Amino acid sequence: MLLGGEPFEEDILMWWNFVGRTHEEVAQAREDWEAQALLSDEDARNARFGWIHGHGPDAGAEAGRIPAPPMPGVQLKPRSRNRATD
């Protein structure tokens, strides 16, 4: 997949499959991702990450869903847009 568009104005933080501006935003995205695994397909349709046919509790087992790893034991730091100042 190739994503494009205008660059973010602020520094961003990327961890696993999540992008945010702060450690807290990424931690919340991870929490939301894991919580969504417990939803029925019907409830997942309106959840943050949406629903994909054939993936989820109603499809049986994990049906290809990849659980997020635990958050690291350190504070995640955004990557600066200006690499020369890092």
C-alpha atoms as a PDB file:
ATOM      1  CA  MET A   1       0.000   0.000   0.000  1.00  0.00           C
ATOM      2  CA  LEU A   2       1.253   3.471  -0.812  1.00  0.00           C
ATOM      3  CA  LEU A   3      -0.156   6.439   1.059  1.00  0.00           C
ATOM      4  CA  GLY A   4       0.383   9.986  -0.074  1.00  0.00           C
ATOM      5  CA  GLY A   5      -0.658  13.519   0.550  1.00  0.00           C
ATOM      6  CA  GLU A   6       0.474  16.683   2.235  1.00  0.00           C
ATOM      7  CA  PRO A   7       3.074  16.127   4.959  1.00  0.00           C
ATOM      8  CA  PHE A   8       1.926  16.500   8.549  1.00  0.00           C
ATOM      9  CA  GLU A   9       2.696  19.925   9.973  1.00  0.00           C
ATOM     10  CA  GLU A  10       3.604  18.479  13.376  1.00  0.00           C
ATOM     11  CA  ASP A  11       6.055  15.789  14.419  1.00  0.00           C
ATOM     12  CA  ILE A  12       4.539  12.302  14.359  1.00  0.00           C
ATOM     13  CA  LEU A  13       5.110   9.116  16.252  1.00  0.00           C
ATOM     14  CA  MET A  14       4.845   5.716  14.558  1.00  0.00           C
ATOM     15  CA  TRP A  15       4.717   2.437  16.461  1.00  0.00           C
ATOM     16  CA  TRP A  16       3.552  -0.913  15.081  1.00  0.00           C
ATOM     17  CA  ASN A  17       0.515  -0.065  12.886  1.00  0.00           C
ATOM     18  CA  PHE A  18      -0.357   3.140  14.714  1.00  0.00           C
ATOM     19  CA  VAL A  19       0.463   6.778  13.987  1.00  0.00           C
ATOM     20  CA  GLY A  20      -0.096   9.613  16.446  1.00  0.00           C
ATOM     21  CA  ARG A  21       1.325  12.866  17.709  1.00  0.00           C
ATOM     22  CA  THR A  22       1.972  11.641  21.260  1.00  0.00           C
ATOM     23  CA  HIS A  23       2.692   8.489  23.227  1.00  0.00           C
ATOM     24  CA  GLU A  24      -0.811   8.781  24.692  1.00  0.00           C
ATOM     25  CA  GLU A  25      -2.478   8.869  21.248  1.00  0.00           C
ATOM     26  CA  VAL A  26      -0.636   5.717  20.174  1.00  0.00           C
ATOM     27  CA  ALA A  27      -1.408   3.963  23.477  1.00  0.00           C
ATOM     28  CA  GLN A  28      -5.106   4.846  23.044  1.00  0.00           C
ATOM     29  CA  ALA A  29      -5.103   3.526  19.462  1.00  0.00           C
ATOM     30  CA  ARG A  30      -3.588   0.252  20.689  1.00  0.00           C
ATOM     31  CA  GLU A  31      -6.183   0.015  23.456  1.00  0.00           C
ATOM     32  CA  ASP A  32      -8.997   0.674  20.960  1.00  0.00           C
ATOM     33  CA  TRP A  33      -7.577  -1.943  18.551  1.00  0.00           C
ATOM     34  CA  GLU A  34      -7.458  -4.609  21.241  1.00  0.00           C
ATOM     35  CA  ALA A  35     -10.917  -3.733  22.610  1.00  0.00           C
ATOM     36  CA  GLN A  36     -12.408  -4.002  19.124  1.00  0.00           C
ATOM     37  CA  ALA A  37     -11.330  -7.658  18.961  1.00  0.00           C
ATOM     38  CA  LEU A  38     -14.012  -8.433  21.546  1.00  0.00           C
ATOM     39  CA  LEU A  39     -16.838  -6.821  19.563  1.00  0.00           C
ATOM     40  CA  SER A  40     -19.315  -8.685  17.419  1.00  0.00           C
ATOM     41  CA  ASP A  41     -19.163  -7.998  13.697  1.00  0.00           C
ATOM     42  CA  GLU A  42     -22.259  -5.814  14.032  1.00  0.00           C
ATOM     43  CA  ASP A  43     -20.709  -3.661  16.770  1.00  0.00           C
ATOM     44  CA  ALA A  44     -17.347  -3.535  14.976  1.00  0.00           C
ATOM     45  CA  ARG A  45     -18.976  -1.871  11.957  1.00  0.00           C
ATOM     46  CA  ASN A  46     -19.216   1.389  13.930  1.00  0.00           C
ATOM     47  CA  ALA A  47     -15.959   1.049  15.868  1.00  0.00           C
ATOM     48  CA  ARG A  48     -12.820   3.130  15.321  1.00  0.00           C
ATOM     49  CA  PHE A  49     -11.090   0.652  13.002  1.00  0.00           C
ATOM     50  CA  GLY A  50     -14.166  -0.548  11.164  1.00  0.00           C
ATOM     51  CA  TRP A  51     -15.095  -4.053  10.113  1.00  0.00           C
ATOM     52  CA  ILE A  52     -13.689  -6.322   7.414  1.00  0.00           C
ATOM     53  CA  HIS A  53     -15.797  -9.244   6.202  1.00  0.00           C
ATOM     54  CA  GLY A  54     -14.352 -12.565   7.346  1.00  0.00           C
ATOM     55  CA  HIS A  55     -12.216 -11.078  10.131  1.00  0.00           C
ATOM     56  CA  GLY A  56     -13.417 -10.923  13.692  1.00  0.00           C
ATOM     57  CA  PRO A  57     -15.080 -12.980  16.415  1.00  0.00           C
ATOM     58  CA  ASP A  58     -18.103 -13.941  14.316  1.00  0.00           C
ATOM     59  CA  ALA A  59     -15.793 -15.453  11.660  1.00  0.00           C
ATOM     60  CA  GLY A  60     -14.337 -17.942  14.150  1.00  0.00           C
ATOM     61  CA  ALA A  61     -11.030 -17.978  16.014  1.00  0.00           C
ATOM     62  CA  GLU A  62      -8.943 -14.932  15.224  1.00  0.00           C
ATOM     63  CA  ALA A  63      -9.664 -15.242  11.481  1.00  0.00           C
ATOM     64  CA  GLY A  64      -6.443 -13.496  10.561  1.00  0.00           C
ATOM     65  CA  ARG A  65      -6.633 -10.655  13.089  1.00  0.00           C
ATOM     66  CA  ILE A  66      -3.204  -9.621  14.320  1.00  0.00           C
ATOM     67  CA  PRO A  67      -3.131  -8.578  17.970  1.00  0.00           C
ATOM     68  CA  ALA A  68      -1.023  -5.543  18.821  1.00  0.00           C
ATOM     69  CA  PRO A  69       2.102  -6.210  20.863  1.00  0.00           C
ATOM     70  CA  PRO A  70       2.289  -4.771  24.385  1.00  0.00           C
ATOM     71  CA  MET A  71       3.359  -1.154  24.598  1.00  0.00           C
ATOM     72  CA  PRO A  72       7.075  -0.809  25.317  1.00  0.00           C
ATOM     73  CA  GLY A  73       8.098   0.051  28.853  1.00  0.00           C
ATOM     74  CA  VAL A  74       9.432   3.440  27.763  1.00  0.00           C
ATOM     75  CA  GLN A  75       7.828   6.703  26.680  1.00  0.00           C
ATOM     76  CA  LEU A  76       7.568   6.814  22.885  1.00  0.00           C
ATOM     77  CA  LYS A  77       9.042   9.941  21.346  1.00  0.00           C
ATOM     78  CA  PRO A  78       7.785  11.581  18.143  1.00  0.00           C
ATOM     79  CA  ARG A  79      10.160  11.678  15.218  1.00  0.00           C
ATOM     80  CA  SER A  80      11.110  15.210  14.290  1.00  0.00           C
ATOM     81  CA  ARG A  81      10.221  16.388  10.795  1.00  0.00           C
ATOM     82  CA  ASN A  82      13.613  18.097  10.674  1.00  0.00           C
ATOM     83  CA  ARG A  83      16.021  15.155  10.850  1.00  0.00           C
ATOM     84  CA  ALA A  84      19.027  17.504  11.153  1.00  0.00           C
ATOM     85  CA  THR A  85      17.914  18.555  14.659  1.00  0.00           C
ATOM     86  CA  ASP A  86      17.546  15.023  16.059  1.00  0.00           C
END
